[in-house]
Amino acid sequence: MNDYFNKDLFRQRLLETMKDNSDTTYSLAKYLHLSPSAISRYTTGDMAPKIPTVQAIADKYGIRPSWLMGIDGEGKYPEATEAAKRIPILGVIAAGVPILAQENIEGFEYVPENLDVDFCLRIKGDSMIGAYIFDGSLVFIRQQPDVEAGEIAAVLIDGQDATLKRVYKINGAVILRAENPNYPDQIYTKKEMRDVRILGKAIRYISEVR
């Protein structure tokens, strides 16, 4: 381990950051593909993580890995520049709270300042593979209450389930269409419209190389 790594400060700062982001040892372990016992050992100071793990934790929370490691003089967040801005990554949507409330945020991503986006969604499942949006992809969303027919949008269903689908409107009904023939259309009639809300338009995405 690097001589500059301060294991005690790392322990304190990791606990502080997990608390600020409503994370548990289990949720962080799942994100990092580690065991909960490993996260527990980090938070008690019994074990220090390897540098790639520190970087992965820092990336999740949008903070400096050097700050996590306790290096003197390093601030918690990267310095803001005119070229970049920080936007939240939304996880499971908590019912009854504003979409960008802390309860819904699982991390942060940095994007160019001139990119007109407001938040990201981490995609789960294979319903949009026809649009090359795979499980685990990060999709950047611009907040807006409506989209043109056939555009891909983030849609909130029943106040808590956010999904990414192509949106069509026919005879007063909203049709959410997957980019995978294994998934049927989700159709909501005019009477059911109170259960469906467009959060924004998908602008771009990042996927792992496959």
N, C-alpha and C. Protein backbone atom coordinates (compact mmCIF):
# COMPACT_ATOMS: atom_id res chain seq x y z
N MET A 1 0.85 -1.20 0.00
CA MET A 1 0.00 0.00 0.00
C MET A 1 0.87 1.24 0.00
N ASN A 2 0.46 2.24 -0.73
CA ASN A 2 1.17 3.49 -0.84
C ASN A 2 1.46 4.07 0.55
N ASP A 3 2.67 4.61 0.72
CA ASP A 3 3.06 5.17 2.01
C ASP A 3 2.17 6.34 2.42
N TYR A 4 1.55 6.99 1.43
CA TYR A 4 0.71 8.14 1.73
C TYR A 4 -0.70 7.74 2.14
N PHE A 5 -1.01 6.46 2.05
CA PHE A 5 -2.36 6.00 2.37
C PHE A 5 -2.56 6.03 3.88
N ASN A 6 -3.52 6.82 4.33
CA ASN A 6 -3.84 6.93 5.75
C ASN A 6 -5.08 6.07 6.01
N LYS A 7 -4.87 4.87 6.52
CA LYS A 7 -5.95 3.91 6.67
C LYS A 7 -7.04 4.40 7.61
N ASP A 8 -6.65 5.12 8.68
CA ASP A 8 -7.64 5.60 9.64
C ASP A 8 -8.50 6.71 9.03
N LEU A 9 -7.85 7.63 8.31
CA LEU A 9 -8.62 8.68 7.64
C LEU A 9 -9.52 8.10 6.56
N PHE A 10 -9.00 7.10 5.84
CA PHE A 10 -9.82 6.45 4.82
C PHE A 10 -11.07 5.86 5.45
N ARG A 11 -10.90 5.18 6.58
CA ARG A 11 -12.04 4.58 7.28
C ARG A 11 -13.09 5.64 7.62
N GLN A 12 -12.64 6.75 8.21
CA GLN A 12 -13.55 7.83 8.61
C GLN A 12 -14.25 8.44 7.41
N ARG A 13 -13.48 8.69 6.35
CA ARG A 13 -14.05 9.37 5.19
C ARG A 13 -14.96 8.45 4.39
N LEU A 14 -14.65 7.18 4.37
CA LEU A 14 -15.54 6.24 3.69
C LEU A 14 -16.88 6.17 4.42
N LEU A 15 -16.85 6.05 5.73
CA LEU A 15 -18.09 6.01 6.52
C LEU A 15 -18.90 7.30 6.33
N GLU A 16 -18.21 8.42 6.35
CA GLU A 16 -18.87 9.72 6.16
C GLU A 16 -19.56 9.79 4.80
N THR A 17 -18.85 9.35 3.76
CA THR A 17 -19.40 9.42 2.41
C THR A 17 -20.53 8.44 2.20
N MET A 18 -20.40 7.24 2.76
CA MET A 18 -21.48 6.27 2.67
C MET A 18 -22.74 6.81 3.34
N LYS A 19 -22.58 7.43 4.51
CA LYS A 19 -23.73 7.99 5.22
C LYS A 19 -24.38 9.10 4.42
N ASP A 20 -23.56 9.98 3.84
CA ASP A 20 -24.08 11.10 3.05
C ASP A 20 -24.86 10.62 1.83
N ASN A 21 -24.51 9.43 1.33
CA ASN A 21 -25.15 8.90 0.13
C ASN A 21 -26.13 7.76 0.43
N SER A 22 -26.46 7.60 1.72
CA SER A 22 -27.43 6.57 2.16
C SER A 22 -27.02 5.17 1.69
N ASP A 23 -25.73 4.90 1.69
CA ASP A 23 -25.22 3.57 1.31
C ASP A 23 -24.98 2.72 2.55
N THR A 24 -25.08 1.42 2.39
CA THR A 24 -24.76 0.46 3.43
C THR A 24 -23.58 -0.39 2.96
N THR A 25 -23.06 -1.21 3.85
CA THR A 25 -21.98 -2.11 3.44
C THR A 25 -22.47 -3.04 2.33
N TYR A 26 -23.75 -3.39 2.38
CA TYR A 26 -24.29 -4.31 1.37
C TYR A 26 -24.45 -3.63 0.02
N SER A 27 -25.00 -2.40 0.01
CA SER A 27 -25.20 -1.72 -1.27
C SER A 27 -23.87 -1.36 -1.92
N LEU A 28 -22.89 -0.93 -1.12
CA LEU A 28 -21.57 -0.61 -1.68
C LEU A 28 -20.87 -1.87 -2.16
N ALA A 29 -21.00 -2.94 -1.40
CA ALA A 29 -20.39 -4.21 -1.81
C ALA A 29 -20.96 -4.68 -3.14
N LYS A 30 -22.27 -4.55 -3.30
CA LYS A 30 -22.91 -4.95 -4.55
C LYS A 30 -22.40 -4.12 -5.71
N TYR A 31 -22.26 -2.82 -5.52
CA TYR A 31 -21.77 -1.92 -6.57
C TYR A 31 -20.34 -2.27 -6.98
N LEU A 32 -19.50 -2.60 -5.99
CA LEU A 32 -18.09 -2.87 -6.25
C LEU A 32 -17.80 -4.33 -6.60
N HIS A 33 -18.86 -5.16 -6.53
CA HIS A 33 -18.70 -6.61 -6.76
C HIS A 33 -17.71 -7.22 -5.75
N LEU A 34 -17.87 -6.78 -4.50
CA LEU A 34 -17.07 -7.31 -3.40
C LEU A 34 -18.01 -7.91 -2.36
N SER A 35 -17.43 -8.57 -1.35
CA SER A 35 -18.25 -9.11 -0.27
C SER A 35 -18.54 -8.04 0.77
N PRO A 36 -19.70 -8.09 1.43
CA PRO A 36 -19.99 -7.13 2.50
C PRO A 36 -18.93 -7.17 3.60
N SER A 37 -18.35 -8.34 3.84
CA SER A 37 -17.33 -8.43 4.89
C SER A 37 -16.10 -7.61 4.53
N ALA A 38 -15.78 -7.52 3.23
CA ALA A 38 -14.63 -6.71 2.81
C ALA A 38 -14.90 -5.23 3.10
N ILE A 39 -16.12 -4.77 2.79
CA ILE A 39 -16.47 -3.37 3.07
C ILE A 39 -16.44 -3.10 4.56
N SER A 40 -16.93 -4.06 5.34
CA SER A 40 -16.91 -3.91 6.80
C SER A 40 -15.48 -3.76 7.32
N ARG A 41 -14.57 -4.52 6.75
CA ARG A 41 -13.16 -4.44 7.18
C ARG A 41 -12.55 -3.10 6.79
N TYR A 42 -13.00 -2.52 5.66
CA TYR A 42 -12.53 -1.18 5.30
C TYR A 42 -13.03 -0.15 6.32
N THR A 43 -14.31 -0.28 6.71
CA THR A 43 -14.91 0.74 7.58
C THR A 43 -14.45 0.61 9.03
N THR A 44 -13.90 -0.54 9.41
CA THR A 44 -13.36 -0.69 10.76
C THR A 44 -11.87 -0.43 10.81
N GLY A 45 -11.25 -0.30 9.63
CA GLY A 45 -9.82 -0.08 9.59
C GLY A 45 -8.99 -1.35 9.68
N ASP A 46 -9.65 -2.52 9.63
CA ASP A 46 -8.91 -3.78 9.71
C ASP A 46 -8.17 -4.10 8.42
N MET A 47 -8.63 -3.50 7.31
CA MET A 47 -8.00 -3.78 6.03
C MET A 47 -8.10 -2.54 5.15
N ALA A 48 -7.06 -2.27 4.37
CA ALA A 48 -7.07 -1.15 3.43
C ALA A 48 -7.29 -1.70 2.02
N PRO A 49 -8.12 -1.06 1.23
CA PRO A 49 -8.36 -1.54 -0.12
C PRO A 49 -7.20 -1.27 -1.06
N LYS A 50 -7.18 -1.96 -2.17
CA LYS A 50 -6.18 -1.69 -3.21
C LYS A 50 -6.58 -0.41 -3.94
N ILE A 51 -5.59 0.19 -4.59
CA ILE A 51 -5.80 1.46 -5.27
C ILE A 51 -6.95 1.41 -6.29
N PRO A 52 -7.07 0.36 -7.12
CA PRO A 52 -8.22 0.32 -8.06
C PRO A 52 -9.57 0.36 -7.36
N THR A 53 -9.64 -0.24 -6.15
CA THR A 53 -10.90 -0.20 -5.40
C THR A 53 -11.16 1.20 -4.87
N VAL A 54 -10.13 1.88 -4.40
CA VAL A 54 -10.27 3.27 -3.95
C VAL A 54 -10.78 4.13 -5.12
N GLN A 55 -10.23 3.92 -6.30
CA GLN A 55 -10.64 4.69 -7.47
C GLN A 55 -12.10 4.42 -7.81
N ALA A 56 -12.52 3.15 -7.70
CA ALA A 56 -13.91 2.80 -8.01
C ALA A 56 -14.87 3.44 -7.03
N ILE A 57 -14.48 3.48 -5.75
CA ILE A 57 -15.31 4.13 -4.74
C ILE A 57 -15.40 5.63 -5.02
N ALA A 58 -14.26 6.24 -5.34
CA ALA A 58 -14.23 7.67 -5.63
C ALA A 58 -15.09 8.00 -6.85
N ASP A 59 -15.02 7.15 -7.87
CA ASP A 59 -15.83 7.37 -9.08
C ASP A 59 -17.31 7.30 -8.77
N LYS A 60 -17.69 6.37 -7.91
CA LYS A 60 -19.11 6.23 -7.55
C LYS A 60 -19.65 7.50 -6.92
N TYR A 61 -18.86 8.11 -6.04
CA TYR A 61 -19.34 9.27 -5.30
C TYR A 61 -18.90 10.61 -5.89
N GLY A 62 -18.14 10.58 -6.97
CA GLY A 62 -17.69 11.83 -7.58
C GLY A 62 -16.74 12.61 -6.72
N ILE A 63 -15.85 11.91 -6.00
CA ILE A 63 -14.90 12.57 -5.10
C ILE A 63 -13.47 12.19 -5.49
N ARG A 64 -12.51 12.89 -4.90
CA ARG A 64 -11.10 12.61 -5.18
C ARG A 64 -10.65 11.33 -4.48
N PRO A 65 -10.00 10.41 -5.18
CA PRO A 65 -9.43 9.24 -4.50
C PRO A 65 -8.36 9.64 -3.49
N SER A 66 -7.63 10.71 -3.80
CA SER A 66 -6.57 11.16 -2.88
C SER A 66 -7.17 11.66 -1.57
N TRP A 67 -8.35 12.28 -1.62
CA TRP A 67 -9.02 12.71 -0.39
C TRP A 67 -9.43 11.50 0.43
N LEU A 68 -9.96 10.47 -0.22
CA LEU A 68 -10.33 9.24 0.48
C LEU A 68 -9.11 8.62 1.17
N MET A 69 -7.97 8.69 0.51
CA MET A 69 -6.76 8.07 1.05
C MET A 69 -6.11 8.90 2.15
N GLY A 70 -6.64 10.11 2.40
CA GLY A 70 -6.11 10.93 3.48
C GLY A 70 -4.86 11.70 3.13
N ILE A 71 -4.65 11.96 1.84
CA ILE A 71 -3.48 12.73 1.44
C ILE A 71 -3.70 14.20 1.79
N ASP A 72 -2.78 14.78 2.51
CA ASP A 72 -2.92 16.15 2.98
C ASP A 72 -3.05 17.12 1.82
N GLY A 73 -3.89 18.12 2.01
CA GLY A 73 -4.00 19.20 1.04
C GLY A 73 -4.93 18.91 -0.11
N GLU A 74 -5.51 17.72 -0.18
CA GLU A 74 -6.41 17.38 -1.27
C GLU A 74 -7.86 17.56 -0.84
N GLY A 75 -8.63 18.36 -1.58
CA GLY A 75 -10.03 18.56 -1.27
C GLY A 75 -10.87 17.33 -1.60
N LYS A 76 -12.09 17.33 -1.09
CA LYS A 76 -12.98 16.18 -1.29
C LYS A 76 -13.41 16.05 -2.75
N TYR A 77 -13.76 17.17 -3.36
CA TYR A 77 -14.29 17.14 -4.73
C TYR A 77 -13.27 17.71 -5.70
N PRO A 78 -13.26 17.19 -6.93
CA PRO A 78 -12.39 17.78 -7.96
C PRO A 78 -12.75 19.25 -8.15
N GLU A 79 -11.75 20.05 -8.48
CA GLU A 79 -11.99 21.47 -8.67
C GLU A 79 -12.94 21.69 -9.84
N ALA A 80 -13.93 22.52 -9.60
CA ALA A 80 -14.87 22.83 -10.68
C ALA A 80 -14.16 23.65 -11.75
N THR A 81 -14.43 23.35 -12.98
CA THR A 81 -13.86 24.11 -14.10
C THR A 81 -14.99 24.50 -15.03
N GLU A 82 -14.67 25.44 -15.92
CA GLU A 82 -15.68 25.86 -16.89
C GLU A 82 -16.00 24.74 -17.86
N ALA A 83 -15.11 23.75 -17.97
CA ALA A 83 -15.28 22.73 -18.98
C ALA A 83 -16.12 21.55 -18.51
N ALA A 84 -16.42 21.45 -17.21
CA ALA A 84 -17.11 20.26 -16.71
C ALA A 84 -18.13 20.63 -15.64
N LYS A 85 -19.13 19.76 -15.51
CA LYS A 85 -20.11 19.91 -14.44
C LYS A 85 -20.44 18.53 -13.89
N ARG A 86 -20.95 18.50 -12.68
CA ARG A 86 -21.27 17.24 -12.02
C ARG A 86 -22.78 17.03 -12.04
N ILE A 87 -23.20 15.83 -12.48
CA ILE A 87 -24.63 15.52 -12.47
C ILE A 87 -24.85 14.21 -11.72
N PRO A 88 -26.02 14.06 -11.12
CA PRO A 88 -26.27 12.86 -10.31
C PRO A 88 -26.61 11.64 -11.15
N ILE A 89 -26.25 10.47 -10.62
CA ILE A 89 -26.67 9.19 -11.18
C ILE A 89 -27.81 8.68 -10.32
N LEU A 90 -28.97 8.48 -10.91
CA LEU A 90 -30.12 8.02 -10.16
C LEU A 90 -30.16 6.50 -10.08
N GLY A 91 -30.48 6.01 -8.91
CA GLY A 91 -30.63 4.57 -8.72
C GLY A 91 -32.10 4.22 -8.63
N VAL A 92 -32.48 3.46 -7.63
CA VAL A 92 -33.89 3.13 -7.40
C VAL A 92 -34.61 4.41 -7.00
N ILE A 93 -35.74 4.68 -7.63
CA ILE A 93 -36.49 5.90 -7.35
C ILE A 93 -37.36 5.70 -6.12
N ALA A 94 -37.18 6.57 -5.12
CA ALA A 94 -37.97 6.47 -3.90
C ALA A 94 -39.32 7.15 -4.13
N ALA A 95 -40.39 6.42 -3.88
CA ALA A 95 -41.74 6.95 -4.11
C ALA A 95 -42.01 8.15 -3.23
N GLY A 96 -42.64 9.17 -3.82
CA GLY A 96 -43.08 10.32 -3.05
C GLY A 96 -42.04 11.38 -2.78
N VAL A 97 -40.84 11.25 -3.37
CA VAL A 97 -39.81 12.28 -3.17
C VAL A 97 -39.43 12.86 -4.53
N PRO A 98 -38.93 14.11 -4.57
CA PRO A 98 -38.52 14.72 -5.84
C PRO A 98 -37.48 13.85 -6.54
N ILE A 99 -37.53 13.85 -7.88
CA ILE A 99 -36.69 12.94 -8.65
C ILE A 99 -35.20 13.10 -8.36
N LEU A 100 -34.74 14.33 -8.08
CA LEU A 100 -33.32 14.55 -7.83
C LEU A 100 -32.99 14.66 -6.34
N ALA A 101 -33.88 14.14 -5.50
CA ALA A 101 -33.61 14.13 -4.06
C ALA A 101 -32.48 13.17 -3.74
N GLN A 102 -31.81 13.41 -2.60
CA GLN A 102 -30.66 12.60 -2.21
C GLN A 102 -30.99 11.12 -2.13
N GLU A 103 -32.23 10.80 -1.74
CA GLU A 103 -32.63 9.39 -1.60
C GLU A 103 -32.51 8.62 -2.91
N ASN A 104 -32.58 9.33 -4.03
CA ASN A 104 -32.55 8.67 -5.33
C ASN A 104 -31.17 8.62 -5.97
N ILE A 105 -30.20 9.30 -5.36
CA ILE A 105 -28.89 9.46 -5.99
C ILE A 105 -27.91 8.39 -5.51
N GLU A 106 -27.31 7.67 -6.47
CA GLU A 106 -26.35 6.62 -6.11
C GLU A 106 -24.91 7.02 -6.40
N GLY A 107 -24.71 8.15 -7.03
CA GLY A 107 -23.36 8.60 -7.33
C GLY A 107 -23.42 9.82 -8.25
N PHE A 108 -22.25 10.19 -8.80
CA PHE A 108 -22.18 11.37 -9.66
C PHE A 108 -21.29 11.09 -10.86
N GLU A 109 -21.52 11.84 -11.92
CA GLU A 109 -20.74 11.72 -13.15
C GLU A 109 -20.38 13.13 -13.62
N TYR A 110 -19.18 13.29 -14.20
CA TYR A 110 -18.76 14.57 -14.73
C TYR A 110 -18.95 14.59 -16.24
N VAL A 111 -19.54 15.67 -16.75
CA VAL A 111 -19.81 15.79 -18.18
C VAL A 111 -19.37 17.18 -18.63
N PRO A 112 -19.17 17.38 -19.93
CA PRO A 112 -18.83 18.73 -20.42
C PRO A 112 -19.88 19.75 -20.02
N GLU A 113 -19.44 20.94 -19.67
CA GLU A 113 -20.34 21.98 -19.21
C GLU A 113 -21.42 22.31 -20.24
N ASN A 114 -21.07 22.20 -21.51
CA ASN A 114 -22.03 22.58 -22.54
C ASN A 114 -22.97 21.44 -22.94
N LEU A 115 -22.86 20.29 -22.29
CA LEU A 115 -23.77 19.18 -22.58
C LEU A 115 -25.07 19.40 -21.82
N ASP A 116 -26.17 19.52 -22.53
CA ASP A 116 -27.46 19.87 -21.92
C ASP A 116 -28.13 18.62 -21.34
N VAL A 117 -27.62 18.16 -20.21
CA VAL A 117 -28.19 17.01 -19.51
C VAL A 117 -28.27 17.34 -18.02
N ASP A 118 -29.18 16.65 -17.34
CA ASP A 118 -29.42 16.96 -15.93
C ASP A 118 -29.14 15.82 -14.97
N PHE A 119 -29.25 14.57 -15.45
CA PHE A 119 -28.97 13.42 -14.59
C PHE A 119 -28.71 12.20 -15.46
N CYS A 120 -28.25 11.14 -14.80
CA CYS A 120 -27.98 9.87 -15.49
C CYS A 120 -28.85 8.77 -14.90
N LEU A 121 -29.10 7.76 -15.71
CA LEU A 121 -29.74 6.54 -15.23
C LEU A 121 -28.80 5.38 -15.49
N ARG A 122 -28.63 4.50 -14.51
CA ARG A 122 -27.88 3.26 -14.69
C ARG A 122 -28.87 2.19 -15.15
N ILE A 123 -28.69 1.67 -16.35
CA ILE A 123 -29.66 0.77 -16.94
C ILE A 123 -29.51 -0.65 -16.39
N LYS A 124 -30.66 -1.24 -16.10
CA LYS A 124 -30.71 -2.62 -15.62
C LYS A 124 -31.52 -3.45 -16.60
N GLY A 125 -30.95 -4.54 -17.06
CA GLY A 125 -31.68 -5.42 -17.97
C GLY A 125 -31.31 -5.20 -19.43
N ASP A 126 -31.99 -5.94 -20.30
CA ASP A 126 -31.64 -5.97 -21.72
C ASP A 126 -32.76 -5.46 -22.63
N SER A 127 -33.68 -4.67 -22.10
CA SER A 127 -34.83 -4.26 -22.90
C SER A 127 -34.48 -3.26 -24.00
N MET A 128 -33.29 -2.63 -23.94
CA MET A 128 -32.93 -1.62 -24.94
C MET A 128 -31.71 -1.99 -25.75
N ILE A 129 -31.42 -3.28 -25.85
CA ILE A 129 -30.19 -3.70 -26.54
C ILE A 129 -30.22 -3.38 -28.03
N GLY A 130 -31.41 -3.26 -28.61
CA GLY A 130 -31.51 -2.90 -30.02
C GLY A 130 -31.01 -1.50 -30.31
N ALA A 131 -30.97 -0.66 -29.28
CA ALA A 131 -30.43 0.70 -29.40
C ALA A 131 -28.99 0.74 -28.87
N TYR A 132 -28.40 -0.44 -28.67
CA TYR A 132 -27.02 -0.58 -28.17
C TYR A 132 -26.87 -0.05 -26.75
N ILE A 133 -27.97 -0.06 -26.00
CA ILE A 133 -27.95 0.34 -24.59
C ILE A 133 -28.09 -0.94 -23.77
N PHE A 134 -27.00 -1.36 -23.16
CA PHE A 134 -26.94 -2.65 -22.50
C PHE A 134 -27.07 -2.53 -20.98
N ASP A 135 -27.22 -3.67 -20.34
CA ASP A 135 -27.26 -3.72 -18.88
C ASP A 135 -26.00 -3.06 -18.32
N GLY A 136 -26.17 -2.12 -17.42
CA GLY A 136 -25.04 -1.41 -16.83
C GLY A 136 -24.67 -0.12 -17.54
N SER A 137 -25.28 0.15 -18.71
CA SER A 137 -24.99 1.39 -19.43
C SER A 137 -25.41 2.60 -18.59
N LEU A 138 -24.71 3.69 -18.81
CA LEU A 138 -25.04 4.94 -18.15
C LEU A 138 -25.66 5.85 -19.21
N VAL A 139 -26.93 6.23 -19.01
CA VAL A 139 -27.65 7.04 -19.99
C VAL A 139 -27.86 8.44 -19.44
N PHE A 140 -27.51 9.45 -20.24
CA PHE A 140 -27.60 10.84 -19.81
C PHE A 140 -28.93 11.42 -20.26
N ILE A 141 -29.65 12.02 -19.32
CA ILE A 141 -31.02 12.48 -19.55
C ILE A 141 -31.14 14.00 -19.39
N ARG A 142 -31.82 14.63 -20.35
CA ARG A 142 -32.18 16.04 -20.22
C ARG A 142 -33.61 16.12 -19.71
N GLN A 143 -33.81 16.78 -18.58
CA GLN A 143 -35.15 16.87 -18.01
C GLN A 143 -36.09 17.65 -18.93
N GLN A 144 -37.23 17.06 -19.26
CA GLN A 144 -38.28 17.72 -20.01
C GLN A 144 -39.55 16.89 -19.86
N PRO A 145 -40.71 17.53 -19.88
CA PRO A 145 -41.95 16.81 -19.58
C PRO A 145 -42.54 16.01 -20.74
N ASP A 146 -41.95 16.15 -21.94
CA ASP A 146 -42.50 15.43 -23.08
C ASP A 146 -41.39 15.21 -24.11
N VAL A 147 -41.61 14.27 -25.03
CA VAL A 147 -40.67 13.99 -26.11
C VAL A 147 -41.45 13.78 -27.39
N GLU A 148 -40.74 13.83 -28.53
CA GLU A 148 -41.35 13.56 -29.81
C GLU A 148 -41.56 12.04 -29.97
N ALA A 149 -42.52 11.69 -30.84
CA ALA A 149 -42.83 10.27 -31.06
C ALA A 149 -41.58 9.52 -31.53
N GLY A 150 -41.32 8.40 -30.88
CA GLY A 150 -40.19 7.55 -31.26
C GLY A 150 -38.89 7.88 -30.55
N GLU A 151 -38.86 8.97 -29.78
CA GLU A 151 -37.64 9.31 -29.05
C GLU A 151 -37.54 8.45 -27.79
N ILE A 152 -36.31 8.23 -27.36
CA ILE A 152 -36.07 7.44 -26.15
C ILE A 152 -36.11 8.36 -24.95
N ALA A 153 -36.87 7.95 -23.95
CA ALA A 153 -37.05 8.80 -22.77
C ALA A 153 -36.99 7.98 -21.49
N ALA A 154 -36.64 8.68 -20.41
CA ALA A 154 -36.76 8.10 -19.07
C ALA A 154 -38.19 8.39 -18.61
N VAL A 155 -38.89 7.35 -18.19
CA VAL A 155 -40.29 7.47 -17.83
C VAL A 155 -40.49 6.90 -16.43
N LEU A 156 -41.23 7.63 -15.62
CA LEU A 156 -41.53 7.18 -14.26
C LEU A 156 -42.93 6.56 -14.25
N ILE A 157 -42.99 5.32 -13.78
CA ILE A 157 -44.26 4.58 -13.74
C ILE A 157 -44.67 4.35 -12.29
N ASP A 158 -45.92 4.68 -12.00
CA ASP A 158 -46.47 4.47 -10.65
C ASP A 158 -45.68 5.22 -9.58
N GLY A 159 -45.01 6.29 -9.97
CA GLY A 159 -44.33 7.13 -9.00
C GLY A 159 -43.05 6.58 -8.42
N GLN A 160 -42.57 5.42 -8.94
CA GLN A 160 -41.36 4.87 -8.33
C GLN A 160 -40.49 4.04 -9.26
N ASP A 161 -41.01 3.57 -10.38
CA ASP A 161 -40.23 2.71 -11.27
C ASP A 161 -39.81 3.48 -12.51
N ALA A 162 -38.54 3.87 -12.60
CA ALA A 162 -38.05 4.58 -13.77
C ALA A 162 -37.60 3.58 -14.81
N THR A 163 -38.01 3.81 -16.05
CA THR A 163 -37.64 2.91 -17.14
C THR A 163 -37.22 3.73 -18.34
N LEU A 164 -36.43 3.14 -19.23
CA LEU A 164 -35.98 3.80 -20.44
C LEU A 164 -36.64 3.10 -21.63
N LYS A 165 -37.44 3.83 -22.40
CA LYS A 165 -38.16 3.23 -23.52
C LYS A 165 -38.37 4.27 -24.62
N ARG A 166 -38.70 3.78 -25.82
CA ARG A 166 -39.17 4.67 -26.88
C ARG A 166 -40.63 5.02 -26.58
N VAL A 167 -40.98 6.28 -26.81
CA VAL A 167 -42.31 6.75 -26.45
C VAL A 167 -43.13 7.07 -27.70
N TYR A 168 -44.34 6.54 -27.74
CA TYR A 168 -45.29 6.85 -28.82
C TYR A 168 -46.62 7.22 -28.19
N LYS A 169 -47.37 8.06 -28.88
CA LYS A 169 -48.71 8.45 -28.41
C LYS A 169 -49.70 8.23 -29.55
N ILE A 170 -50.71 7.40 -29.28
CA ILE A 170 -51.71 7.07 -30.30
C ILE A 170 -53.10 7.11 -29.66
N ASN A 171 -53.98 7.93 -30.22
CA ASN A 171 -55.36 8.03 -29.75
C ASN A 171 -55.46 8.25 -28.25
N GLY A 172 -54.62 9.11 -27.74
CA GLY A 172 -54.67 9.44 -26.32
C GLY A 172 -53.94 8.49 -25.41
N ALA A 173 -53.44 7.39 -25.96
CA ALA A 173 -52.69 6.41 -25.15
C ALA A 173 -51.19 6.62 -25.33
N VAL A 174 -50.44 6.28 -24.31
CA VAL A 174 -48.98 6.33 -24.37
C VAL A 174 -48.46 4.89 -24.48
N ILE A 175 -47.58 4.69 -25.46
CA ILE A 175 -46.99 3.36 -25.67
C ILE A 175 -45.50 3.46 -25.38
N LEU A 176 -45.02 2.63 -24.48
CA LEU A 176 -43.60 2.53 -24.17
C LEU A 176 -43.06 1.28 -24.84
N ARG A 177 -42.13 1.46 -25.76
CA ARG A 177 -41.66 0.34 -26.59
C ARG A 177 -40.19 0.04 -26.31
N ALA A 178 -39.91 -1.20 -26.03
CA ALA A 178 -38.54 -1.65 -25.80
C ALA A 178 -37.82 -1.81 -27.14
N GLU A 179 -36.50 -1.91 -27.08
CA GLU A 179 -35.69 -2.20 -28.25
C GLU A 179 -35.21 -3.65 -28.15
N ASN A 180 -36.15 -4.52 -27.86
CA ASN A 180 -35.89 -5.95 -27.74
C ASN A 180 -37.21 -6.66 -27.99
N PRO A 181 -37.30 -7.50 -29.02
CA PRO A 181 -38.59 -8.14 -29.36
C PRO A 181 -39.13 -9.06 -28.28
N ASN A 182 -38.32 -9.39 -27.30
CA ASN A 182 -38.78 -10.26 -26.21
C ASN A 182 -39.66 -9.51 -25.20
N TYR A 183 -39.73 -8.19 -25.33
CA TYR A 183 -40.52 -7.40 -24.39
C TYR A 183 -41.72 -6.79 -25.11
N PRO A 184 -42.93 -7.03 -24.63
CA PRO A 184 -44.12 -6.44 -25.26
C PRO A 184 -44.23 -4.95 -24.96
N ASP A 185 -45.00 -4.24 -25.78
CA ASP A 185 -45.26 -2.83 -25.53
C ASP A 185 -45.98 -2.67 -24.20
N GLN A 186 -45.66 -1.58 -23.51
CA GLN A 186 -46.41 -1.18 -22.32
C GLN A 186 -47.36 -0.07 -22.74
N ILE A 187 -48.66 -0.32 -22.63
CA ILE A 187 -49.66 0.63 -23.12
C ILE A 187 -50.45 1.20 -21.96
N TYR A 188 -50.53 2.53 -21.92
CA TYR A 188 -51.26 3.22 -20.86
C TYR A 188 -52.32 4.11 -21.51
N THR A 189 -53.57 3.85 -21.17
CA THR A 189 -54.67 4.63 -21.74
C THR A 189 -54.75 5.99 -21.07
N LYS A 190 -55.62 6.82 -21.61
CA LYS A 190 -55.77 8.18 -21.08
C LYS A 190 -56.16 8.17 -19.61
N LYS A 191 -56.99 7.20 -19.20
CA LYS A 191 -57.40 7.09 -17.81
C LYS A 191 -56.24 6.76 -16.89
N GLU A 192 -55.23 6.07 -17.46
CA GLU A 192 -54.08 5.65 -16.64
C GLU A 192 -52.92 6.65 -16.70
N MET A 193 -53.07 7.75 -17.41
CA MET A 193 -51.96 8.68 -17.62
C MET A 193 -51.40 9.24 -16.31
N ARG A 194 -52.22 9.27 -15.25
CA ARG A 194 -51.72 9.78 -13.98
C ARG A 194 -50.60 8.90 -13.42
N ASP A 195 -50.48 7.67 -13.92
CA ASP A 195 -49.46 6.75 -13.44
C ASP A 195 -48.17 6.81 -14.26
N VAL A 196 -48.14 7.64 -15.30
CA VAL A 196 -46.99 7.69 -16.20
C VAL A 196 -46.51 9.14 -16.33
N ARG A 197 -45.20 9.35 -16.11
CA ARG A 197 -44.65 10.70 -16.22
C ARG A 197 -43.30 10.65 -16.92
N ILE A 198 -43.16 11.41 -17.99
CA ILE A 198 -41.89 11.50 -18.70
C ILE A 198 -40.94 12.38 -17.89
N LEU A 199 -39.77 11.83 -17.58
CA LEU A 199 -38.77 12.57 -16.81
C LEU A 199 -37.84 13.37 -17.70
N GLY A 200 -37.56 12.83 -18.89
CA GLY A 200 -36.65 13.53 -19.78
C GLY A 200 -36.23 12.69 -20.96
N LYS A 201 -35.56 13.33 -21.88
CA LYS A 201 -35.11 12.70 -23.12
C LYS A 201 -33.68 12.17 -22.98
N ALA A 202 -33.44 10.95 -23.48
CA ALA A 202 -32.10 10.38 -23.49
C ALA A 202 -31.26 11.10 -24.55
N ILE A 203 -30.11 11.61 -24.13
CA ILE A 203 -29.26 12.40 -25.01
C ILE A 203 -28.05 11.61 -25.49
N ARG A 204 -27.44 10.86 -24.59
CA ARG A 204 -26.27 10.05 -24.94
C ARG A 204 -26.13 8.95 -23.91
N TYR A 205 -25.22 8.01 -24.18
CA TYR A 205 -25.02 6.92 -23.23
C TYR A 205 -23.57 6.46 -23.28
N ILE A 206 -23.18 5.77 -22.21
CA ILE A 206 -21.86 5.14 -22.13
C ILE A 206 -22.07 3.67 -21.82
N SER A 207 -21.48 2.80 -22.62
CA SER A 207 -21.57 1.36 -22.37
C SER A 207 -20.17 0.76 -22.31
N GLU A 208 -20.06 -0.33 -21.59
CA GLU A 208 -18.79 -1.05 -21.55
C GLU A 208 -18.55 -1.74 -22.90
N VAL A 209 -17.29 -1.89 -23.26
CA VAL A 209 -16.95 -2.61 -24.49
C VAL A 209 -17.35 -4.07 -24.34
N ARG A 210 -18.00 -4.61 -25.37
CA ARG A 210 -18.48 -6.01 -25.32
C ARG A 210 -17.89 -6.80 -26.47
